[in-house]
PDB file of N, CA and C in Angstrom:
ATOM      1  N   MET A   1      27.866  -1.657   0.563  1.00  0.00           N
ATOM      2  CA  MET A   1      26.779  -0.861   0.042  1.00  0.00           C
ATOM      3  C   MET A   1      26.880   0.543   0.631  1.00  0.00           C
ATOM      4  N   ILE A   2      26.675   1.533  -0.187  1.00  0.00           N
ATOM      5  CA  ILE A   2      26.749   2.923   0.250  1.00  0.00           C
ATOM      6  C   ILE A   2      25.373   3.361   0.731  1.00  0.00           C
ATOM      7  N   GLY A   3      25.327   3.950   1.918  1.00  0.00           N
ATOM      8  CA  GLY A   3      24.071   4.440   2.473  1.00  0.00           C
ATOM      9  C   GLY A   3      23.736   5.838   2.001  1.00  0.00           C
ATOM     10  N   TYR A   4      24.713   6.746   2.074  1.00  0.00           N
ATOM     11  CA  TYR A   4      24.540   8.113   1.590  1.00  0.00           C
ATOM     12  C   TYR A   4      25.907   8.747   1.406  1.00  0.00           C
ATOM     13  N   VAL A   5      25.914   9.874   0.711  1.00  0.00           N
ATOM     14  CA  VAL A   5      27.126  10.649   0.469  1.00  0.00           C
ATOM     15  C   VAL A   5      26.889  12.041   1.033  1.00  0.00           C
ATOM     16  N   MET A   6      27.949  12.637   1.594  1.00  0.00           N
ATOM     17  CA  MET A   6      27.839  13.969   2.183  1.00  0.00           C
ATOM     18  C   MET A   6      29.005  14.822   1.698  1.00  0.00           C
ATOM     19  N   VAL A   7      28.708  16.056   1.296  1.00  0.00           N
ATOM     20  CA  VAL A   7      29.751  17.021   0.950  1.00  0.00           C
ATOM     21  C   VAL A   7      29.598  18.231   1.856  1.00  0.00           C
ATOM     22  N   GLY A   8      30.710  18.900   2.100  1.00  0.00           N
ATOM     23  CA  GLY A   8      30.706  20.061   2.976  1.00  0.00           C
ATOM     24  C   GLY A   8      30.469  21.355   2.220  1.00  0.00           C
ATOM     25  N   THR A   9      29.979  22.347   2.963  1.00  0.00           N
ATOM     26  CA  THR A   9      29.777  23.683   2.411  1.00  0.00           C
ATOM     27  C   THR A   9      30.092  24.734   3.467  1.00  0.00           C
ATOM     28  N   ASN A  10      30.452  25.905   2.994  1.00  0.00           N
ATOM     29  CA  ASN A  10      30.653  27.052   3.871  1.00  0.00           C
ATOM     30  C   ASN A  10      29.489  28.031   3.784  1.00  0.00           C
ATOM     31  N   ASN A  11      28.519  27.744   2.908  1.00  0.00           N
ATOM     32  CA  ASN A  11      27.344  28.599   2.757  1.00  0.00           C
ATOM     33  C   ASN A  11      26.163  27.710   2.377  1.00  0.00           C
ATOM     34  N   LEU A  12      25.427  27.257   3.367  1.00  0.00           N
ATOM     35  CA  LEU A  12      24.349  26.299   3.127  1.00  0.00           C
ATOM     36  C   LEU A  12      23.272  26.856   2.195  1.00  0.00           C
ATOM     37  N   LYS A  13      22.932  28.117   2.338  1.00  0.00           N
ATOM     38  CA  LYS A  13      21.891  28.698   1.484  1.00  0.00           C
ATOM     39  C   LYS A  13      22.301  28.644   0.009  1.00  0.00           C
ATOM     40  N   SER A  14      23.515  29.074  -0.295  1.00  0.00           N
ATOM     41  CA  SER A  14      23.997  29.028  -1.683  1.00  0.00           C
ATOM     42  C   SER A  14      24.103  27.593  -2.178  1.00  0.00           C
ATOM     43  N   ALA A  15      24.603  26.712  -1.321  1.00  0.00           N
ATOM     44  CA  ALA A  15      24.781  25.311  -1.716  1.00  0.00           C
ATOM     45  C   ALA A  15      23.438  24.646  -2.004  1.00  0.00           C
ATOM     46  N   THR A  16      22.439  24.875  -1.156  1.00  0.00           N
ATOM     47  CA  THR A  16      21.147  24.237  -1.405  1.00  0.00           C
ATOM     48  C   THR A  16      20.477  24.816  -2.650  1.00  0.00           C
ATOM     49  N   ASN A  17      20.629  26.097  -2.903  1.00  0.00           N
ATOM     50  CA  ASN A  17      20.101  26.669  -4.138  1.00  0.00           C
ATOM     51  C   ASN A  17      20.770  26.008  -5.342  1.00  0.00           C
ATOM     52  N   PHE A  18      22.091  25.853  -5.283  1.00  0.00           N
ATOM     53  CA  PHE A  18      22.847  25.205  -6.353  1.00  0.00           C
ATOM     54  C   PHE A  18      22.354  23.769  -6.561  1.00  0.00           C
ATOM     55  N   PHE A  19      22.328  22.976  -5.490  1.00  0.00           N
ATOM     56  CA  PHE A  19      21.960  21.567  -5.627  1.00  0.00           C
ATOM     57  C   PHE A  19      20.479  21.380  -5.950  1.00  0.00           C
ATOM     58  N   ASP A  20      19.607  22.272  -5.507  1.00  0.00           N
ATOM     59  CA  ASP A  20      18.201  22.193  -5.914  1.00  0.00           C
ATOM     60  C   ASP A  20      18.106  22.200  -7.438  1.00  0.00           C
ATOM     61  N   ASN A  21      18.842  23.097  -8.074  1.00  0.00           N
ATOM     62  CA  ASN A  21      18.805  23.232  -9.535  1.00  0.00           C
ATOM     63  C   ASN A  21      19.540  22.110 -10.245  1.00  0.00           C
ATOM     64  N   VAL A  22      20.699  21.727  -9.738  1.00  0.00           N
ATOM     65  CA  VAL A  22      21.546  20.748 -10.418  1.00  0.00           C
ATOM     66  C   VAL A  22      21.020  19.321 -10.266  1.00  0.00           C
ATOM     67  N   LEU A  23      20.480  18.983  -9.117  1.00  0.00           N
ATOM     68  CA  LEU A  23      20.048  17.605  -8.871  1.00  0.00           C
ATOM     69  C   LEU A  23      18.636  17.315  -9.366  1.00  0.00           C
ATOM     70  N   GLU A  24      17.832  18.340  -9.585  1.00  0.00           N
ATOM     71  CA  GLU A  24      16.448  18.131 -10.032  1.00  0.00           C
ATOM     72  C   GLU A  24      16.362  17.313 -11.320  1.00  0.00           C
ATOM     73  N   PRO A  25      17.158  17.625 -12.366  1.00  0.00           N
ATOM     74  CA  PRO A  25      17.067  16.818 -13.585  1.00  0.00           C
ATOM     75  C   PRO A  25      17.523  15.373 -13.384  1.00  0.00           C
ATOM     76  N   LEU A  26      18.289  15.122 -12.318  1.00  0.00           N
ATOM     77  CA  LEU A  26      18.751  13.765 -12.034  1.00  0.00           C
ATOM     78  C   LEU A  26      17.722  12.981 -11.223  1.00  0.00           C
ATOM     79  N   GLY A  27      16.600  13.618 -10.906  1.00  0.00           N
ATOM     80  CA  GLY A  27      15.548  12.936 -10.173  1.00  0.00           C
ATOM     81  C   GLY A  27      15.665  13.032  -8.664  1.00  0.00           C
ATOM     82  N   LEU A  28      16.522  13.940  -8.166  1.00  0.00           N
ATOM     83  CA  LEU A  28      16.684  14.109  -6.721  1.00  0.00           C
ATOM     84  C   LEU A  28      15.995  15.384  -6.261  1.00  0.00           C
ATOM     85  N   LYS A  29      15.382  15.299  -5.088  1.00  0.00           N
ATOM     86  CA  LYS A  29      14.625  16.417  -4.531  1.00  0.00           C
ATOM     87  C   LYS A  29      15.061  16.650  -3.088  1.00  0.00           C
ATOM     88  N   LYS A  30      15.156  17.922  -2.704  1.00  0.00           N
ATOM     89  CA  LYS A  30      15.478  18.249  -1.313  1.00  0.00           C
ATOM     90  C   LYS A  30      14.289  17.857  -0.452  1.00  0.00           C
ATOM     91  N   VAL A  31      14.529  16.985   0.537  1.00  0.00           N
ATOM     92  CA  VAL A  31      13.434  16.486   1.364  1.00  0.00           C
ATOM     93  C   VAL A  31      13.632  16.768   2.849  1.00  0.00           C
ATOM     94  N   GLU A  32      14.804  17.229   3.224  1.00  0.00           N
ATOM     95  CA  GLU A  32      15.067  17.532   4.632  1.00  0.00           C
ATOM     96  C   GLU A  32      15.989  18.738   4.716  1.00  0.00           C
ATOM     97  N   VAL A  33      15.623  19.703   5.563  1.00  0.00           N
ATOM     98  CA  VAL A  33      16.449  20.894   5.755  1.00  0.00           C
ATOM     99  C   VAL A  33      16.517  21.189   7.245  1.00  0.00           C
ATOM    100  N   GLU A  34      17.717  21.342   7.740  1.00  0.00           N
ATOM    101  CA  GLU A  34      17.958  21.749   9.125  1.00  0.00           C
ATOM    102  C   GLU A  34      18.849  22.989   9.085  1.00  0.00           C
ATOM    103  N   ASP A  35      19.228  23.503  10.231  1.00  0.00           N
ATOM    104  CA  ASP A  35      20.059  24.710  10.285  1.00  0.00           C
ATOM    105  C   ASP A  35      21.414  24.531   9.623  1.00  0.00           C
ATOM    106  N   THR A  36      21.967  23.317   9.665  1.00  0.00           N
ATOM    107  CA  THR A  36      23.331  23.105   9.176  1.00  0.00           C
ATOM    108  C   THR A  36      23.443  22.133   8.011  1.00  0.00           C
ATOM    109  N   TYR A  37      22.340  21.556   7.553  1.00  0.00           N
ATOM    110  CA  TYR A  37      22.432  20.607   6.443  1.00  0.00           C
ATOM    111  C   TYR A  37      21.116  20.501   5.686  1.00  0.00           C
ATOM    112  N   ALA A  38      21.215  19.903   4.494  1.00  0.00           N
ATOM    113  CA  ALA A  38      20.036  19.573   3.693  1.00  0.00           C
ATOM    114  C   ALA A  38      20.251  18.194   3.091  1.00  0.00           C
ATOM    115  N   GLY A  39      19.165  17.428   2.965  1.00  0.00           N
ATOM    116  CA  GLY A  39      19.236  16.082   2.405  1.00  0.00           C
ATOM    117  C   GLY A  39      18.375  15.954   1.167  1.00  0.00           C
ATOM    118  N   TYR A  40      18.855  15.182   0.208  1.00  0.00           N
ATOM    119  CA  TYR A  40      18.178  14.972  -1.072  1.00  0.00           C
ATOM    120  C   TYR A  40      17.904  13.485  -1.274  1.00  0.00           C
ATOM    121  N   ALA A  41      16.732  13.191  -1.831  1.00  0.00           N
ATOM    122  CA  ALA A  41      16.330  11.812  -2.101  1.00  0.00           C
ATOM    123  C   ALA A  41      15.747  11.728  -3.506  1.00  0.00           C
ATOM    124  N   GLN A  42      15.689  10.502  -4.023  1.00  0.00           N
ATOM    125  CA  GLN A  42      15.038  10.296  -5.305  1.00  0.00           C
ATOM    126  C   GLN A  42      13.559  10.631  -5.161  1.00  0.00           C
ATOM    127  N   LYS A  43      12.996  11.206  -6.203  1.00  0.00           N
ATOM    128  CA  LYS A  43      11.603  11.651  -6.144  1.00  0.00           C
ATOM    129  C   LYS A  43      10.631  10.507  -5.863  1.00  0.00           C
ATOM    130  N   ASN A  44      11.004   9.293  -6.230  1.00  0.00           N
ATOM    131  CA  ASN A  44      10.126   8.149  -5.982  1.00  0.00           C
ATOM    132  C   ASN A  44      10.496   7.392  -4.704  1.00  0.00           C
ATOM    133  N   LYS A  45      11.478   7.903  -3.935  1.00  0.00           N
ATOM    134  CA  LYS A  45      11.901   7.282  -2.672  1.00  0.00           C
ATOM    135  C   LYS A  45      12.233   8.380  -1.667  1.00  0.00           C
ATOM    136  N   LEU A  46      11.264   9.203  -1.351  1.00  0.00           N
ATOM    137  CA  LEU A  46      11.506  10.399  -0.548  1.00  0.00           C
ATOM    138  C   LEU A  46      12.006  10.112   0.862  1.00  0.00           C
ATOM    139  N   GLN A  47      11.792   8.918   1.367  1.00  0.00           N
ATOM    140  CA  GLN A  47      12.248   8.574   2.719  1.00  0.00           C
ATOM    141  C   GLN A  47      13.694   8.090   2.747  1.00  0.00           C
ATOM    142  N   GLU A  48      14.319   7.927   1.579  1.00  0.00           N
ATOM    143  CA  GLU A  48      15.672   7.378   1.497  1.00  0.00           C
ATOM    144  C   GLU A  48      16.657   8.449   1.033  1.00  0.00           C
ATOM    145  N   ILE A  49      17.088   9.289   1.956  1.00  0.00           N
ATOM    146  CA  ILE A  49      18.035  10.348   1.611  1.00  0.00           C
ATOM    147  C   ILE A  49      19.364   9.716   1.221  1.00  0.00           C
ATOM    148  N   GLU A  50      19.893  10.129   0.071  1.00  0.00           N
ATOM    149  CA  GLU A  50      21.159   9.564  -0.384  1.00  0.00           C
ATOM    150  C   GLU A  50      22.254  10.600  -0.605  1.00  0.00           C
ATOM    151  N   PHE A  51      21.914  11.888  -0.514  1.00  0.00           N
ATOM    152  CA  PHE A  51      22.918  12.931  -0.697  1.00  0.00           C
ATOM    153  C   PHE A  51      22.644  14.059   0.288  1.00  0.00           C
ATOM    154  N   TYR A  52      23.685  14.447   1.021  1.00  0.00           N
ATOM    155  CA  TYR A  52      23.591  15.560   1.962  1.00  0.00           C
ATOM    156  C   TYR A  52      24.622  16.621   1.612  1.00  0.00           C
ATOM    157  N   VAL A  53      24.272  17.869   1.868  1.00  0.00           N
ATOM    158  CA  VAL A  53      25.228  18.972   1.863  1.00  0.00           C
ATOM    159  C   VAL A  53      25.152  19.575   3.258  1.00  0.00           C
ATOM    160  N   THR A  54      26.327  19.781   3.879  1.00  0.00           N
ATOM    161  CA  THR A  54      26.336  20.158   5.287  1.00  0.00           C
ATOM    162  C   THR A  54      27.461  21.114   5.632  1.00  0.00           C
ATOM    163  N   GLU A  55      27.210  21.937   6.632  1.00  0.00           N
ATOM    164  CA  GLU A  55      28.288  22.693   7.252  1.00  0.00           C
ATOM    165  C   GLU A  55      29.032  21.709   8.155  1.00  0.00           C
ATOM    166  N   PRO A  56      30.353  21.803   8.269  1.00  0.00           N
ATOM    167  CA  PRO A  56      31.096  20.851   9.086  1.00  0.00           C
ATOM    168  C   PRO A  56      30.623  20.837  10.543  1.00  0.00           C
ATOM    169  N   PHE A  57      30.502  19.631  11.086  1.00  0.00           N
ATOM    170  CA  PHE A  57      30.054  19.435  12.461  1.00  0.00           C
ATOM    171  C   PHE A  57      30.979  20.109  13.460  1.00  0.00           C
ATOM    172  N   ASP A  58      32.293  20.118  13.146  1.00  0.00           N
ATOM    173  CA  ASP A  58      33.260  20.680  14.098  1.00  0.00           C
ATOM    174  C   ASP A  58      33.334  22.203  14.059  1.00  0.00           C
ATOM    175  N   GLY A  59      32.546  22.835  13.187  1.00  0.00           N
ATOM    176  CA  GLY A  59      32.539  24.289  13.101  1.00  0.00           C
ATOM    177  C   GLY A  59      33.669  24.871  12.276  1.00  0.00           C
ATOM    178  N   GLY A  60      34.563  24.023  11.788  1.00  0.00           N
ATOM    179  CA  GLY A  60      35.669  24.487  10.955  1.00  0.00           C
ATOM    180  C   GLY A  60      35.214  24.767   9.532  1.00  0.00           C
ATOM    181  N   LYS A  61      36.159  25.187   8.722  1.00  0.00           N
ATOM    182  CA  LYS A  61      35.892  25.486   7.319  1.00  0.00           C
ATOM    183  C   LYS A  61      35.749  24.187   6.526  1.00  0.00           C
ATOM    184  N   ALA A  62      34.754  24.133   5.649  1.00  0.00           N
ATOM    185  CA  ALA A  62      34.595  22.997   4.746  1.00  0.00           C
ATOM    186  C   ALA A  62      35.670  23.076   3.674  1.00  0.00           C
ATOM    187  N   THR A  63      36.369  21.981   3.454  1.00  0.00           N
ATOM    188  CA  THR A  63      37.388  21.897   2.414  1.00  0.00           C
ATOM    189  C   THR A  63      37.136  20.646   1.583  1.00  0.00           C
ATOM    190  N   VAL A  64      37.701  20.624   0.387  1.00  0.00           N
ATOM    191  CA  VAL A  64      37.526  19.468  -0.496  1.00  0.00           C
ATOM    192  C   VAL A  64      38.671  18.492  -0.290  1.00  0.00           C
ATOM    193  N   GLY A  65      38.411  17.241  -0.574  1.00  0.00           N
ATOM    194  CA  GLY A  65      39.450  16.223  -0.492  1.00  0.00           C
ATOM    195  C   GLY A  65      40.116  16.050  -1.841  1.00  0.00           C
ATOM    196  N   ASN A  66      41.435  16.077  -1.867  1.00  0.00           N
ATOM    197  CA  ASN A  66      42.164  15.863  -3.109  1.00  0.00           C
ATOM    198  C   ASN A  66      42.029  14.395  -3.498  1.00  0.00           C
ATOM    199  N   GLY A  67      41.434  14.140  -4.649  1.00  0.00           N
ATOM    200  CA  GLY A  67      41.195  12.779  -5.100  1.00  0.00           C
ATOM    201  C   GLY A  67      39.804  12.265  -4.765  1.00  0.00           C
ATOM    202  N   CYS A  68      39.012  13.043  -4.046  1.00  0.00           N
ATOM    203  CA  CYS A  68      37.638  12.648  -3.700  1.00  0.00           C
ATOM    204  C   CYS A  68      36.667  13.169  -4.752  1.00  0.00           C
ATOM    205  N   MET A  69      35.626  12.383  -5.017  1.00  0.00           N
ATOM    206  CA  MET A  69      34.624  12.799  -5.983  1.00  0.00           C
ATOM    207  C   MET A  69      33.321  12.076  -5.682  1.00  0.00           C
ATOM    208  N   VAL A  70      32.217  12.764  -5.899  1.00  0.00           N
ATOM    209  CA  VAL A  70      30.884  12.177  -5.821  1.00  0.00           C
ATOM    210  C   VAL A  70      30.412  11.979  -7.253  1.00  0.00           C
ATOM    211  N   SER A  71      29.858  10.791  -7.550  1.00  0.00           N
ATOM    212  CA  SER A  71      29.374  10.504  -8.898  1.00  0.00           C
ATOM    213  C   SER A  71      27.928  10.041  -8.846  1.00  0.00           C
ATOM    214  N   PHE A  72      27.129  10.559  -9.779  1.00  0.00           N
ATOM    215  CA  PHE A  72      25.727  10.175  -9.897  1.00  0.00           C
ATOM    216  C   PHE A  72      25.539   9.408 -11.199  1.00  0.00           C
ATOM    217  N   TYR A  73      25.027   8.171 -11.109  1.00  0.00           N
ATOM    218  CA  TYR A  73      24.676   7.412 -12.300  1.00  0.00           C
ATOM    219  C   TYR A  73      23.299   7.874 -12.753  1.00  0.00           C
ATOM    220  N   VAL A  74      23.176   8.226 -14.032  1.00  0.00           N
ATOM    221  CA  VAL A  74      21.903   8.695 -14.579  1.00  0.00           C
ATOM    222  C   VAL A  74      21.506   7.831 -15.770  1.00  0.00           C
ATOM    223  N   ALA A  75      20.269   7.983 -16.218  1.00  0.00           N
ATOM    224  CA  ALA A  75      19.693   7.085 -17.210  1.00  0.00           C
ATOM    225  C   ALA A  75      20.157   7.315 -18.644  1.00  0.00           C
ATOM    226  N   SER A  76      20.703   8.503 -18.955  1.00  0.00           N
ATOM    227  CA  SER A  76      21.053   8.766 -20.350  1.00  0.00           C
ATOM    228  C   SER A  76      22.136   9.833 -20.459  1.00  0.00           C
ATOM    229  N   PRO A  77      22.878   9.824 -21.568  1.00  0.00           N
ATOM    230  CA  PRO A  77      23.861  10.887 -21.799  1.00  0.00           C
ATOM    231  C   PRO A  77      23.237  12.281 -21.815  1.00  0.00           C
ATOM    232  N   SER A  78      21.993  12.392 -22.268  1.00  0.00           N
ATOM    233  CA  SER A  78      21.362  13.719 -22.285  1.00  0.00           C
ATOM    234  C   SER A  78      21.179  14.260 -20.868  1.00  0.00           C
ATOM    235  N   LEU A  79      20.973  13.397 -19.885  1.00  0.00           N
ATOM    236  CA  LEU A  79      20.892  13.848 -18.494  1.00  0.00           C
ATOM    237  C   LEU A  79      22.257  14.290 -17.978  1.00  0.00           C
ATOM    238  N   VAL A  80      23.318  13.647 -18.450  1.00  0.00           N
ATOM    239  CA  VAL A  80      24.670  14.109 -18.112  1.00  0.00           C
ATOM    240  C   VAL A  80      24.859  15.518 -18.661  1.00  0.00           C
ATOM    241  N   ASP A  81      24.458  15.723 -19.914  1.00  0.00           N
ATOM    242  CA  ASP A  81      24.562  17.054 -20.526  1.00  0.00           C
ATOM    243  C   ASP A  81      23.758  18.086 -19.737  1.00  0.00           C
ATOM    244  N   ASP A  82      22.536  17.727 -19.346  1.00  0.00           N
ATOM    245  CA  ASP A  82      21.694  18.646 -18.571  1.00  0.00           C
ATOM    246  C   ASP A  82      22.349  18.991 -17.238  1.00  0.00           C
ATOM    247  N   PHE A  83      22.834  17.982 -16.535  1.00  0.00           N
ATOM    248  CA  PHE A  83      23.521  18.182 -15.255  1.00  0.00           C
ATOM    249  C   PHE A  83      24.671  19.171 -15.415  1.00  0.00           C
ATOM    250  N   HIS A  84      25.508  18.934 -16.401  1.00  0.00           N
ATOM    251  CA  HIS A  84      26.695  19.753 -16.625  1.00  0.00           C
ATOM    252  C   HIS A  84      26.305  21.193 -16.964  1.00  0.00           C
ATOM    253  N   LYS A  85      25.375  21.349 -17.882  1.00  0.00           N
ATOM    254  CA  LYS A  85      24.934  22.679 -18.314  1.00  0.00           C
ATOM    255  C   LYS A  85      24.307  23.462 -17.158  1.00  0.00           C
ATOM    256  N   ILE A  86      23.401  22.837 -16.437  1.00  0.00           N
ATOM    257  CA  ILE A  86      22.716  23.515 -15.328  1.00  0.00           C
ATOM    258  C   ILE A  86      23.699  23.856 -14.222  1.00  0.00           C
ATOM    259  N   ALA A  87      24.633  22.960 -13.944  1.00  0.00           N
ATOM    260  CA  ALA A  87      25.640  23.239 -12.915  1.00  0.00           C
ATOM    261  C   ALA A  87      26.455  24.475 -13.285  1.00  0.00           C
ATOM    262  N   LEU A  88      26.925  24.547 -14.527  1.00  0.00           N
ATOM    263  CA  LEU A  88      27.714  25.703 -14.954  1.00  0.00           C
ATOM    264  C   LEU A  88      26.881  26.983 -14.914  1.00  0.00           C
ATOM    265  N   GLN A  89      25.611  26.897 -15.280  1.00  0.00           N
ATOM    266  CA  GLN A  89      24.729  28.068 -15.230  1.00  0.00           C
ATOM    267  C   GLN A  89      24.510  28.552 -13.797  1.00  0.00           C
ATOM    268  N   ASN A  90      24.718  27.665 -12.838  1.00  0.00           N
ATOM    269  CA  ASN A  90      24.507  28.005 -11.430  1.00  0.00           C
ATOM    270  C   ASN A  90      25.808  28.243 -10.680  1.00  0.00           C
ATOM    271  N   GLY A  91      26.893  28.481 -11.411  1.00  0.00           N
ATOM    272  CA  GLY A  91      28.140  28.890 -10.785  1.00  0.00           C
ATOM    273  C   GLY A  91      29.202  27.831 -10.618  1.00  0.00           C
ATOM    274  N   ALA A  92      28.959  26.620 -11.096  1.00  0.00           N
ATOM    275  CA  ALA A  92      29.968  25.560 -11.000  1.00  0.00           C
ATOM    276  C   ALA A  92      31.137  25.849 -11.936  1.00  0.00           C
ATOM    277  N   THR A  93      32.238  25.172 -11.685  1.00  0.00           N
ATOM    278  CA  THR A  93      33.419  25.231 -12.539  1.00  0.00           C
ATOM    279  C   THR A  93      33.490  23.939 -13.349  1.00  0.00           C
ATOM    280  N   ASN A  94      33.807  24.054 -14.627  1.00  0.00           N
ATOM    281  CA  ASN A  94      33.934  22.887 -15.493  1.00  0.00           C
ATOM    282  C   ASN A  94      35.191  22.105 -15.136  1.00  0.00           C
ATOM    283  N   GLU A  95      35.025  20.818 -14.865  1.00  0.00           N
ATOM    284  CA  GLU A  95      36.165  19.935 -14.598  1.00  0.00           C
ATOM    285  C   GLU A  95      36.322  18.884 -15.678  1.00  0.00           C
ATOM    286  N   GLY A  96      35.504  18.952 -16.704  1.00  0.00           N
ATOM    287  CA  GLY A  96      35.591  18.006 -17.812  1.00  0.00           C
ATOM    288  C   GLY A  96      34.294  18.005 -18.588  1.00  0.00           C
ATOM    289  N   ASP A  97      34.359  18.434 -19.850  1.00  0.00           N
ATOM    290  CA  ASP A  97      33.166  18.478 -20.686  1.00  0.00           C
ATOM    291  C   ASP A  97      32.529  17.098 -20.801  1.00  0.00           C
ATOM    292  N   PRO A  98      31.209  17.044 -20.967  1.00  0.00           N
ATOM    293  CA  PRO A  98      30.552  15.759 -21.152  1.00  0.00           C
ATOM    294  C   PRO A  98      31.059  15.045 -22.397  1.00  0.00           C
ATOM    295  N   GLY A  99      31.222  13.738 -22.261  1.00  0.00           N
ATOM    296  CA  GLY A  99      31.656  12.919 -23.376  1.00  0.00           C
ATOM    297  C   GLY A  99      32.122  11.560 -22.901  1.00  0.00           C
ATOM    298  N   PRO A 100      32.344  10.650 -23.858  1.00  0.00           N
ATOM    299  CA  PRO A 100      32.823   9.318 -23.482  1.00  0.00           C
ATOM    300  C   PRO A 100      34.277   9.363 -23.027  1.00  0.00           C
ATOM    301  N   ARG A 101      34.618   8.500 -22.096  1.00  0.00           N
ATOM    302  CA  ARG A 101      35.998   8.353 -21.627  1.00  0.00           C
ATOM    303  C   ARG A 101      36.286   6.877 -21.499  1.00  0.00           C
ATOM    304  N   PRO A 102      37.365   6.386 -22.162  1.00  0.00           N
ATOM    305  CA  PRO A 102      38.155   7.105 -23.161  1.00  0.00           C
ATOM    306  C   PRO A 102      37.277   7.509 -24.345  1.00  0.00           C
ATOM    307  N   SER A 103      37.857   8.206 -25.303  1.00  0.00           N
ATOM    308  CA  SER A 103      37.054   8.785 -26.390  1.00  0.00           C
ATOM    309  C   SER A 103      36.252   7.739 -27.162  1.00  0.00           C
ATOM    310  N   ASP A 104      36.708   6.505 -27.163  1.00  0.00           N
ATOM    311  CA  ASP A 104      35.961   5.438 -27.832  1.00  0.00           C
ATOM    312  C   ASP A 104      35.265   4.527 -26.818  1.00  0.00           C
ATOM    313  N   GLY A 105      35.131   5.002 -25.585  1.00  0.00           N
ATOM    314  CA  GLY A 105      34.544   4.203 -24.512  1.00  0.00           C
ATOM    315  C   GLY A 105      33.030   4.119 -24.584  1.00  0.00           C
ATOM    316  N   SER A 106      32.477   3.325 -23.692  1.00  0.00           N
ATOM    317  CA  SER A 106      31.033   3.095 -23.679  1.00  0.00           C
ATOM    318  C   SER A 106      30.330   3.789 -22.509  1.00  0.00           C
ATOM    319  N   ILE A 107      31.070   4.616 -21.768  1.00  0.00           N
ATOM    320  CA  ILE A 107      30.476   5.363 -20.660  1.00  0.00           C
ATOM    321  C   ILE A 107      30.695   6.851 -20.897  1.00  0.00           C
ATOM    322  N   TYR A 108      29.659   7.623 -20.644  1.00  0.00           N
ATOM    323  CA  TYR A 108      29.607   9.062 -20.921  1.00  0.00           C
ATOM    324  C   TYR A 108      29.650   9.805 -19.589  1.00  0.00           C
ATOM    325  N   TYR A 109      30.631  10.696 -19.423  1.00  0.00           N
ATOM    326  CA  TYR A 109      30.860  11.398 -18.158  1.00  0.00           C
ATOM    327  C   TYR A 109      30.803  12.910 -18.351  1.00  0.00           C
ATOM    328  N   GLY A 110      30.451  13.612 -17.287  1.00  0.00           N
ATOM    329  CA  GLY A 110      30.570  15.064 -17.220  1.00  0.00           C
ATOM    330  C   GLY A 110      30.979  15.441 -15.807  1.00  0.00           C
ATOM    331  N   TYR A 111      31.945  16.353 -15.676  1.00  0.00           N
ATOM    332  CA  TYR A 111      32.516  16.695 -14.371  1.00  0.00           C
ATOM    333  C   TYR A 111      32.407  18.191 -14.082  1.00  0.00           C
ATOM    334  N   ILE A 112      32.088  18.511 -12.826  1.00  0.00           N
ATOM    335  CA  ILE A 112      32.055  19.912 -12.376  1.00  0.00           C
ATOM    336  C   ILE A 112      32.638  19.998 -10.970  1.00  0.00           C
ATOM    337  N   ARG A 113      32.911  21.220 -10.546  1.00  0.00           N
ATOM    338  CA  ARG A 113      33.175  21.501  -9.129  1.00  0.00           C
ATOM    339  C   ARG A 113      32.069  22.423  -8.660  1.00  0.00           C
ATOM    340  N   ASP A 114      31.464  22.083  -7.513  1.00  0.00           N
ATOM    341  CA  ASP A 114      30.375  22.898  -6.990  1.00  0.00           C
ATOM    342  C   ASP A 114      30.910  24.200  -6.413  1.00  0.00           C
ATOM    343  N   LEU A 115      30.048  24.972  -5.789  1.00  0.00           N
ATOM    344  CA  LEU A 115      30.420  26.295  -5.281  1.00  0.00           C
ATOM    345  C   LEU A 115      31.478  26.244  -4.188  1.00  0.00           C
ATOM    346  N   ASP A 116      31.613  25.089  -3.526  1.00  0.00           N
ATOM    347  CA  ASP A 116      32.623  24.919  -2.479  1.00  0.00           C
ATOM    348  C   ASP A 116      33.844  24.149  -2.964  1.00  0.00           C
ATOM    349  N   GLY A 117      33.883  23.792  -4.246  1.00  0.00           N
ATOM    350  CA  GLY A 117      35.034  23.102  -4.811  1.00  0.00           C
ATOM    351  C   GLY A 117      34.950  21.591  -4.809  1.00  0.00           C
ATOM    352  N   ASN A 118      33.827  21.012  -4.366  1.00  0.00           N
ATOM    353  CA  ASN A 118      33.669  19.559  -4.395  1.00  0.00           C
ATOM    354  C   ASN A 118      33.548  19.088  -5.839  1.00  0.00           C
ATOM    355  N   LYS A 119      34.301  18.046  -6.196  1.00  0.00           N
ATOM    356  CA  LYS A 119      34.234  17.510  -7.553  1.00  0.00           C
ATOM    357  C   LYS A 119      33.063  16.540  -7.649  1.00  0.00           C
ATOM    358  N   ILE A 120      32.212  16.773  -8.659  1.00  0.00           N
ATOM    359  CA  ILE A 120      31.004  15.975  -8.828  1.00  0.00           C
ATOM    360  C   ILE A 120      30.885  15.560 -10.289  1.00  0.00           C
ATOM    361  N   CYS A 121      30.496  14.309 -10.484  1.00  0.00           N
ATOM    362  CA  CYS A 121      30.381  13.725 -11.818  1.00  0.00           C
ATOM    363  C   CYS A 121      28.972  13.181 -12.014  1.00  0.00           C
ATOM    364  N   ALA A 122      28.471  13.294 -13.221  1.00  0.00           N
ATOM    365  CA  ALA A 122      27.287  12.541 -13.642  1.00  0.00           C
ATOM    366  C   ALA A 122      27.759  11.660 -14.791  1.00  0.00           C
ATOM    367  N   TYR A 123      27.280  10.412 -14.819  1.00  0.00           N
ATOM    368  CA  TYR A 123      27.715   9.508 -15.880  1.00  0.00           C
ATOM    369  C   TYR A 123      26.588   8.567 -16.275  1.00  0.00           C
ATOM    370  N   SER A 124      26.701   8.041 -17.506  1.00  0.00           N
ATOM    371  CA  SER A 124      25.687   7.152 -18.049  1.00  0.00           C
ATOM    372  C   SER A 124      26.328   6.214 -19.056  1.00  0.00           C
ATOM    373  N   ASN A 125      25.719   5.073 -19.235  1.00  0.00           N
ATOM    374  CA  ASN A 125      26.132   4.195 -20.326  1.00  0.00           C
ATOM    375  C   ASN A 125      25.689   4.817 -21.644  1.00  0.00           C
ATOM    376  N   LEU A 126      26.483   4.578 -22.676  1.00  0.00           N
ATOM    377  CA  LEU A 126      26.097   5.052 -24.016  1.00  0.00           C
ATOM    378  C   LEU A 126      25.138   4.066 -24.654  1.00  0.00           C
TER     379      LEU A 126
END
């Protein structure tokens, strides 16, 4: 069972502004902020932080992992579309337009890279 997911950033202020906008339609809200990190929880489970964005503990530069990705399961394809659109409007890079994969598949995905290059997906059953 996964307890939480954490991605690194080199600019916490920019990252939290980005994730505040991108995660809100997915039902996640920023509930904890410290000098070096911020935590997000579902709006109906504010005590259960499941996503963090943080400056690296060792003081080094935050880098992305090749082959690593964070994925959020959402309730509908329209939420995948919202996630993707809002992310791009807030400076993300498109890593894959929303749509089913494979093209005749039953799961709908949308992929972006955040401001620090972390690959993030939202997906839903069709």
